[in-house]
Structures are given as structure tokens and as C-alpha cells.
Amino acid sequence: MRIIWNREATQGFWLAPAIFGVVFILLGVLIFAVPNLLEYIVAGIFVAVGVTLLGLAWQTRARVSYRRIDED
């Protein structure tokens, strides 16, 4: 795979970090204004991580196959 770095390829690259920066600033202001919001955010992150781990475990379990090895 060959990656070419030029001005056209990186032209819109600044947009994603800028959006995430604004979101984090707004989230910080909201947490400062409503301290209980931090509890909900942390709980939501825990639930999201738990669901992700369960999904990965389920997907891994579905891929594992067992073969019986008979002794001769």
C-alpha cells in the first residue's frame, strides 16, 4: 500500500481534531455547570466498554472451532 502525502490529501485532516476539541471543551463546561453529569458520563463509558467487550468475546467465541482428535 502506498500513501502519498500531499496538500490535497491532508486538506480536510484538521477538521476532525477541531471538532473533537470543541466537543471536549463543551463537555468540560457542561461538567463544570452540572457536576452530576460527570457520573452519567463515567457510567455511560463503563456500559459502552462492557458492551464492546461482550461483543468481542461473543465474536471470538463464534470463530473458535473445536476438532476431535482420535487416538489411533
PDB file of N, CA and C in Angstrom:
ATOM      1  N   MET A   1       0.845  -1.166   0.000  1.00  0.00           N
ATOM      2  CA  MET A   1       0.000   0.000   0.000  1.00  0.00           C
ATOM      3  C   MET A   1       0.899   1.241   0.000  1.00  0.00           C
ATOM      4  N   ARG A   2       0.615   2.132  -0.862  1.00  0.00           N
ATOM      5  CA  ARG A   2       1.422   3.332  -1.000  1.00  0.00           C
ATOM      6  C   ARG A   2       0.601   4.540  -0.573  1.00  0.00           C
ATOM      7  N   ILE A   3       1.165   5.314   0.316  1.00  0.00           N
ATOM      8  CA  ILE A   3       0.481   6.504   0.804  1.00  0.00           C
ATOM      9  C   ILE A   3       1.226   7.724   0.285  1.00  0.00           C
ATOM     10  N   ILE A   4       0.484   8.602  -0.331  1.00  0.00           N
ATOM     11  CA  ILE A   4       1.073   9.824  -0.862  1.00  0.00           C
ATOM     12  C   ILE A   4       0.599  10.989   0.003  1.00  0.00           C
ATOM     13  N   TRP A   5       1.541  11.684   0.603  1.00  0.00           N
ATOM     14  CA  TRP A   5       1.202  12.844   1.413  1.00  0.00           C
ATOM     15  C   TRP A   5       1.375  14.109   0.572  1.00  0.00           C
ATOM     16  N   ASN A   6       0.279  14.700   0.270  1.00  0.00           N
ATOM     17  CA  ASN A   6       0.334  15.969  -0.441  1.00  0.00           C
ATOM     18  C   ASN A   6      -0.722  16.907   0.127  1.00  0.00           C
ATOM     19  N   ARG A   7      -0.771  18.097  -0.386  1.00  0.00           N
ATOM     20  CA  ARG A   7      -1.680  19.098   0.146  1.00  0.00           C
ATOM     21  C   ARG A   7      -3.148  18.698  -0.023  1.00  0.00           C
ATOM     22  N   GLU A   8      -3.496  18.044  -1.104  1.00  0.00           N
ATOM     23  CA  GLU A   8      -4.891  17.669  -1.340  1.00  0.00           C
ATOM     24  C   GLU A   8      -5.330  16.559  -0.390  1.00  0.00           C
ATOM     25  N   ALA A   9      -4.424  15.637  -0.072  1.00  0.00           N
ATOM     26  CA  ALA A   9      -4.779  14.507   0.785  1.00  0.00           C
ATOM     27  C   ALA A   9      -4.995  14.937   2.232  1.00  0.00           C
ATOM     28  N   THR A  10      -4.284  15.957   2.681  1.00  0.00           N
ATOM     29  CA  THR A  10      -4.383  16.385   4.077  1.00  0.00           C
ATOM     30  C   THR A  10      -5.198  17.655   4.248  1.00  0.00           C
ATOM     31  N   GLN A  11      -5.901  18.062   3.240  1.00  0.00           N
ATOM     32  CA  GLN A  11      -6.619  19.328   3.290  1.00  0.00           C
ATOM     33  C   GLN A  11      -7.725  19.328   4.345  1.00  0.00           C
ATOM     34  N   GLY A  12      -8.479  18.245   4.483  1.00  0.00           N
ATOM     35  CA  GLY A  12      -9.565  18.203   5.451  1.00  0.00           C
ATOM     36  C   GLY A  12      -9.188  17.527   6.748  1.00  0.00           C
ATOM     37  N   PHE A  13      -7.922  17.241   6.940  1.00  0.00           N
ATOM     38  CA  PHE A  13      -7.477  16.491   8.119  1.00  0.00           C
ATOM     39  C   PHE A  13      -7.653  17.282   9.408  1.00  0.00           C
ATOM     40  N   TRP A  14      -7.615  18.599   9.347  1.00  0.00           N
ATOM     41  CA  TRP A  14      -7.718  19.442  10.529  1.00  0.00           C
ATOM     42  C   TRP A  14      -9.118  19.443  11.116  1.00  0.00           C
ATOM     43  N   LEU A  15     -10.111  19.060  10.332  1.00  0.00           N
ATOM     44  CA  LEU A  15     -11.498  19.185  10.769  1.00  0.00           C
ATOM     45  C   LEU A  15     -11.835  18.246  11.923  1.00  0.00           C
ATOM     46  N   ALA A  16     -11.397  17.003  11.879  1.00  0.00           N
ATOM     47  CA  ALA A  16     -11.726  16.044  12.940  1.00  0.00           C
ATOM     48  C   ALA A  16     -11.145  16.468  14.286  1.00  0.00           C
ATOM     49  N   PRO A  17      -9.844  16.805  14.377  1.00  0.00           N
ATOM     50  CA  PRO A  17      -9.342  17.261  15.684  1.00  0.00           C
ATOM     51  C   PRO A  17     -10.025  18.537  16.176  1.00  0.00           C
ATOM     52  N   ALA A  18     -10.379  19.413  15.258  1.00  0.00           N
ATOM     53  CA  ALA A  18     -11.057  20.644  15.658  1.00  0.00           C
ATOM     54  C   ALA A  18     -12.440  20.344  16.242  1.00  0.00           C
ATOM     55  N   ILE A  19     -13.169  19.436  15.620  1.00  0.00           N
ATOM     56  CA  ILE A  19     -14.499  19.063  16.123  1.00  0.00           C
ATOM     57  C   ILE A  19     -14.380  18.400  17.491  1.00  0.00           C
ATOM     58  N   PHE A  20     -13.424  17.470  17.636  1.00  0.00           N
ATOM     59  CA  PHE A  20     -13.236  16.811  18.923  1.00  0.00           C
ATOM     60  C   PHE A  20     -12.818  17.820  19.995  1.00  0.00           C
ATOM     61  N   GLY A  21     -12.001  18.783  19.642  1.00  0.00           N
ATOM     62  CA  GLY A  21     -11.598  19.809  20.595  1.00  0.00           C
ATOM     63  C   GLY A  21     -12.780  20.618  21.089  1.00  0.00           C
ATOM     64  N   VAL A  22     -13.641  21.034  20.183  1.00  0.00           N
ATOM     65  CA  VAL A  22     -14.831  21.797  20.561  1.00  0.00           C
ATOM     66  C   VAL A  22     -15.756  20.958  21.430  1.00  0.00           C
ATOM     67  N   VAL A  23     -15.921  19.681  21.076  1.00  0.00           N
ATOM     68  CA  VAL A  23     -16.786  18.793  21.860  1.00  0.00           C
ATOM     69  C   VAL A  23     -16.243  18.646  23.277  1.00  0.00           C
ATOM     70  N   PHE A  24     -14.939  18.451  23.422  1.00  0.00           N
ATOM     71  CA  PHE A  24     -14.355  18.291  24.756  1.00  0.00           C
ATOM     72  C   PHE A  24     -14.455  19.580  25.574  1.00  0.00           C
ATOM     73  N   ILE A  25     -14.307  20.719  24.942  1.00  0.00           N
ATOM     74  CA  ILE A  25     -14.459  21.986  25.655  1.00  0.00           C
ATOM     75  C   ILE A  25     -15.901  22.147  26.136  1.00  0.00           C
ATOM     76  N   LEU A  26     -16.858  21.875  25.276  1.00  0.00           N
ATOM     77  CA  LEU A  26     -18.262  21.968  25.678  1.00  0.00           C
ATOM     78  C   LEU A  26     -18.600  20.966  26.779  1.00  0.00           C
ATOM     79  N   LEU A  27     -18.044  19.770  26.677  1.00  0.00           N
ATOM     80  CA  LEU A  27     -18.266  18.758  27.708  1.00  0.00           C
ATOM     81  C   LEU A  27     -17.686  19.205  29.042  1.00  0.00           C
ATOM     82  N   GLY A  28     -16.506  19.810  29.014  1.00  0.00           N
ATOM     83  CA  GLY A  28     -15.920  20.333  30.239  1.00  0.00           C
ATOM     84  C   GLY A  28     -16.754  21.429  30.863  1.00  0.00           C
ATOM     85  N   VAL A  29     -17.284  22.317  30.045  1.00  0.00           N
ATOM     86  CA  VAL A  29     -18.149  23.388  30.558  1.00  0.00           C
ATOM     87  C   VAL A  29     -19.417  22.795  31.153  1.00  0.00           C
ATOM     88  N   LEU A  30     -19.993  21.811  30.475  1.00  0.00           N
ATOM     89  CA  LEU A  30     -21.210  21.176  30.999  1.00  0.00           C
ATOM     90  C   LEU A  30     -20.947  20.459  32.319  1.00  0.00           C
ATOM     91  N   ILE A  31     -19.824  19.766  32.433  1.00  0.00           N
ATOM     92  CA  ILE A  31     -19.491  19.077  33.680  1.00  0.00           C
ATOM     93  C   ILE A  31     -19.277  20.096  34.802  1.00  0.00           C
ATOM     94  N   PHE A  32     -18.657  21.224  34.479  1.00  0.00           N
ATOM     95  CA  PHE A  32     -18.460  22.274  35.482  1.00  0.00           C
ATOM     96  C   PHE A  32     -19.803  22.857  35.930  1.00  0.00           C
ATOM     97  N   ALA A  33     -20.727  23.017  34.998  1.00  0.00           N
ATOM     98  CA  ALA A  33     -22.027  23.601  35.315  1.00  0.00           C
ATOM     99  C   ALA A  33     -22.931  22.604  36.036  1.00  0.00           C
ATOM    100  N   VAL A  34     -22.870  21.343  35.629  1.00  0.00           N
ATOM    101  CA  VAL A  34     -23.719  20.295  36.211  1.00  0.00           C
ATOM    102  C   VAL A  34     -22.809  19.154  36.667  1.00  0.00           C
ATOM    103  N   PRO A  35     -22.340  19.179  37.907  1.00  0.00           N
ATOM    104  CA  PRO A  35     -21.387  18.158  38.373  1.00  0.00           C
ATOM    105  C   PRO A  35     -21.923  16.728  38.310  1.00  0.00           C
ATOM    106  N   ASN A  36     -23.224  16.550  38.439  1.00  0.00           N
ATOM    107  CA  ASN A  36     -23.795  15.200  38.359  1.00  0.00           C
ATOM    108  C   ASN A  36     -23.632  14.599  36.966  1.00  0.00           C
ATOM    109  N   LEU A  37     -23.416  15.438  35.996  1.00  0.00           N
ATOM    110  CA  LEU A  37     -23.242  14.964  34.630  1.00  0.00           C
ATOM    111  C   LEU A  37     -22.009  14.068  34.509  1.00  0.00           C
ATOM    112  N   LEU A  38     -20.988  14.329  35.320  1.00  0.00           N
ATOM    113  CA  LEU A  38     -19.782  13.511  35.297  1.00  0.00           C
ATOM    114  C   LEU A  38     -20.090  12.066  35.650  1.00  0.00           C
ATOM    115  N   GLU A  39     -20.983  11.853  36.607  1.00  0.00           N
ATOM    116  CA  GLU A  39     -21.368  10.486  36.986  1.00  0.00           C
ATOM    117  C   GLU A  39     -22.021   9.766  35.814  1.00  0.00           C
ATOM    118  N   TYR A  40     -22.890  10.450  35.109  1.00  0.00           N
ATOM    119  CA  TYR A  40     -23.571   9.836  33.977  1.00  0.00           C
ATOM    120  C   TYR A  40     -22.597   9.528  32.833  1.00  0.00           C
ATOM    121  N   ILE A  41     -21.648  10.411  32.622  1.00  0.00           N
ATOM    122  CA  ILE A  41     -20.661  10.194  31.561  1.00  0.00           C
ATOM    123  C   ILE A  41     -19.796   8.987  31.879  1.00  0.00           C
ATOM    124  N   VAL A  42     -19.311   8.907  33.121  1.00  0.00           N
ATOM    125  CA  VAL A  42     -18.481   7.770  33.518  1.00  0.00           C
ATOM    126  C   VAL A  42     -19.275   6.476  33.451  1.00  0.00           C
ATOM    127  N   ALA A  43     -20.511   6.491  33.925  1.00  0.00           N
ATOM    128  CA  ALA A  43     -21.353   5.298  33.859  1.00  0.00           C
ATOM    129  C   ALA A  43     -21.601   4.891  32.411  1.00  0.00           C
ATOM    130  N   GLY A  44     -21.826   5.868  31.546  1.00  0.00           N
ATOM    131  CA  GLY A  44     -22.029   5.567  30.123  1.00  0.00           C
ATOM    132  C   GLY A  44     -20.799   4.959  29.479  1.00  0.00           C
ATOM    133  N   ILE A  45     -19.613   5.468  29.863  1.00  0.00           N
ATOM    134  CA  ILE A  45     -18.372   4.898  29.334  1.00  0.00           C
ATOM    135  C   ILE A  45     -18.213   3.462  29.804  1.00  0.00           C
ATOM    136  N   PHE A  46     -18.486   3.195  31.092  1.00  0.00           N
ATOM    137  CA  PHE A  46     -18.391   1.827  31.605  1.00  0.00           C
ATOM    138  C   PHE A  46     -19.336   0.886  30.867  1.00  0.00           C
ATOM    139  N   VAL A  47     -20.562   1.322  30.623  1.00  0.00           N
ATOM    140  CA  VAL A  47     -21.529   0.490  29.908  1.00  0.00           C
ATOM    141  C   VAL A  47     -21.058   0.244  28.476  1.00  0.00           C
ATOM    142  N   ALA A  48     -20.564   1.283  27.810  1.00  0.00           N
ATOM    143  CA  ALA A  48     -20.095   1.132  26.426  1.00  0.00           C
ATOM    144  C   ALA A  48     -18.908   0.172  26.351  1.00  0.00           C
ATOM    145  N   VAL A  49     -17.972   0.290  27.295  1.00  0.00           N
ATOM    146  CA  VAL A  49     -16.816  -0.615  27.307  1.00  0.00           C
ATOM    147  C   VAL A  49     -17.269  -2.046  27.591  1.00  0.00           C
ATOM    148  N   GLY A  50     -18.193  -2.207  28.514  1.00  0.00           N
ATOM    149  CA  GLY A  50     -18.712  -3.542  28.825  1.00  0.00           C
ATOM    150  C   GLY A  50     -19.404  -4.191  27.640  1.00  0.00           C
ATOM    151  N   VAL A  51     -20.227  -3.430  26.951  1.00  0.00           N
ATOM    152  CA  VAL A  51     -20.921  -3.966  25.773  1.00  0.00           C
ATOM    153  C   VAL A  51     -19.918  -4.306  24.671  1.00  0.00           C
ATOM    154  N   THR A  52     -18.912  -3.475  24.501  1.00  0.00           N
ATOM    155  CA  THR A  52     -17.879  -3.740  23.497  1.00  0.00           C
ATOM    156  C   THR A  52     -17.121  -5.016  23.817  1.00  0.00           C
ATOM    157  N   LEU A  53     -16.733  -5.186  25.079  1.00  0.00           N
ATOM    158  CA  LEU A  53     -16.010  -6.399  25.473  1.00  0.00           C
ATOM    159  C   LEU A  53     -16.865  -7.654  25.315  1.00  0.00           C
ATOM    160  N   LEU A  54     -18.137  -7.552  25.659  1.00  0.00           N
ATOM    161  CA  LEU A  54     -19.025  -8.701  25.459  1.00  0.00           C
ATOM    162  C   LEU A  54     -19.175  -9.035  23.978  1.00  0.00           C
ATOM    163  N   GLY A  55     -19.279  -8.007  23.157  1.00  0.00           N
ATOM    164  CA  GLY A  55     -19.368  -8.235  21.713  1.00  0.00           C
ATOM    165  C   GLY A  55     -18.118  -8.886  21.158  1.00  0.00           C
ATOM    166  N   LEU A  56     -16.950  -8.423  21.605  1.00  0.00           N
ATOM    167  CA  LEU A  56     -15.694  -9.034  21.162  1.00  0.00           C
ATOM    168  C   LEU A  56     -15.587 -10.481  21.622  1.00  0.00           C
ATOM    169  N   ALA A  57     -16.003 -10.737  22.868  1.00  0.00           N
ATOM    170  CA  ALA A  57     -15.953 -12.110  23.384  1.00  0.00           C
ATOM    171  C   ALA A  57     -16.896 -13.016  22.598  1.00  0.00           C
ATOM    172  N   TRP A  58     -18.062 -12.505  22.283  1.00  0.00           N
ATOM    173  CA  TRP A  58     -19.036 -13.294  21.541  1.00  0.00           C
ATOM    174  C   TRP A  58     -18.528 -13.585  20.130  1.00  0.00           C
ATOM    175  N   GLN A  59     -17.939 -12.585  19.509  1.00  0.00           N
ATOM    176  CA  GLN A  59     -17.403 -12.755  18.165  1.00  0.00           C
ATOM    177  C   GLN A  59     -16.231 -13.738  18.175  1.00  0.00           C
ATOM    178  N   THR A  60     -15.376 -13.648  19.177  1.00  0.00           N
ATOM    179  CA  THR A  60     -14.242 -14.571  19.281  1.00  0.00           C
ATOM    180  C   THR A  60     -14.732 -15.982  19.521  1.00  0.00           C
ATOM    181  N   ARG A  61     -15.724 -16.147  20.367  1.00  0.00           N
ATOM    182  CA  ARG A  61     -16.264 -17.478  20.644  1.00  0.00           C
ATOM    183  C   ARG A  61     -16.882 -18.089  19.396  1.00  0.00           C
ATOM    184  N   ALA A  62     -17.505 -17.283  18.584  1.00  0.00           N
ATOM    185  CA  ALA A  62     -18.128 -17.787  17.360  1.00  0.00           C
ATOM    186  C   ALA A  62     -17.075 -18.249  16.360  1.00  0.00           C
ATOM    187  N   ARG A  63     -15.870 -17.682  16.428  1.00  0.00           N
ATOM    188  CA  ARG A  63     -14.818 -18.053  15.474  1.00  0.00           C
ATOM    189  C   ARG A  63     -14.039 -19.289  15.899  1.00  0.00           C
ATOM    190  N   VAL A  64     -14.082 -19.628  17.182  1.00  0.00           N
ATOM    191  CA  VAL A  64     -13.310 -20.762  17.673  1.00  0.00           C
ATOM    192  C   VAL A  64     -14.027 -22.047  17.279  1.00  0.00           C
ATOM    193  N   SER A  65     -13.289 -22.949  16.683  1.00  0.00           N
ATOM    194  CA  SER A  65     -13.877 -24.240  16.331  1.00  0.00           C
ATOM    195  C   SER A  65     -13.040 -25.340  16.969  1.00  0.00           C
ATOM    196  N   TYR A  66     -13.716 -26.381  17.376  1.00  0.00           N
ATOM    197  CA  TYR A  66     -13.052 -27.488  18.043  1.00  0.00           C
ATOM    198  C   TYR A  66     -13.079 -28.707  17.141  1.00  0.00           C
ATOM    199  N   ARG A  67     -11.968 -29.417  17.131  1.00  0.00           N
ATOM    200  CA  ARG A  67     -11.895 -30.670  16.390  1.00  0.00           C
ATOM    201  C   ARG A  67     -11.577 -31.780  17.354  1.00  0.00           C
ATOM    202  N   ARG A  68     -12.162 -32.910  17.127  1.00  0.00           N
ATOM    203  CA  ARG A  68     -11.867 -34.068  17.956  1.00  0.00           C
ATOM    204  C   ARG A  68     -10.646 -34.780  17.369  1.00  0.00           C
ATOM    205  N   ILE A  69      -9.703 -35.033  18.219  1.00  0.00           N
ATOM    206  CA  ILE A  69      -8.514 -35.744  17.792  1.00  0.00           C
ATOM    207  C   ILE A  69      -8.611 -37.156  18.317  1.00  0.00           C
ATOM    208  N   ASP A  70      -8.806 -38.086  17.401  1.00  0.00           N
ATOM    209  CA  ASP A  70      -8.943 -39.501  17.783  1.00  0.00           C
ATOM    210  C   ASP A  70      -7.562 -40.142  17.867  1.00  0.00           C
ATOM    211  N   GLU A  71      -7.405 -40.931  18.903  1.00  0.00           N
ATOM    212  CA  GLU A  71      -6.158 -41.677  19.005  1.00  0.00           C
ATOM    213  C   GLU A  71      -6.253 -42.923  18.156  1.00  0.00           C
ATOM    214  N   ASP A  72      -5.183 -43.259  17.467  1.00  0.00           N
ATOM    215  CA  ASP A  72      -5.176 -44.465  16.621  1.00  0.00           C
ATOM    216  C   ASP A  72      -4.664 -45.659  17.388  1.00  0.00           C
TER     217      ASP A  72
END
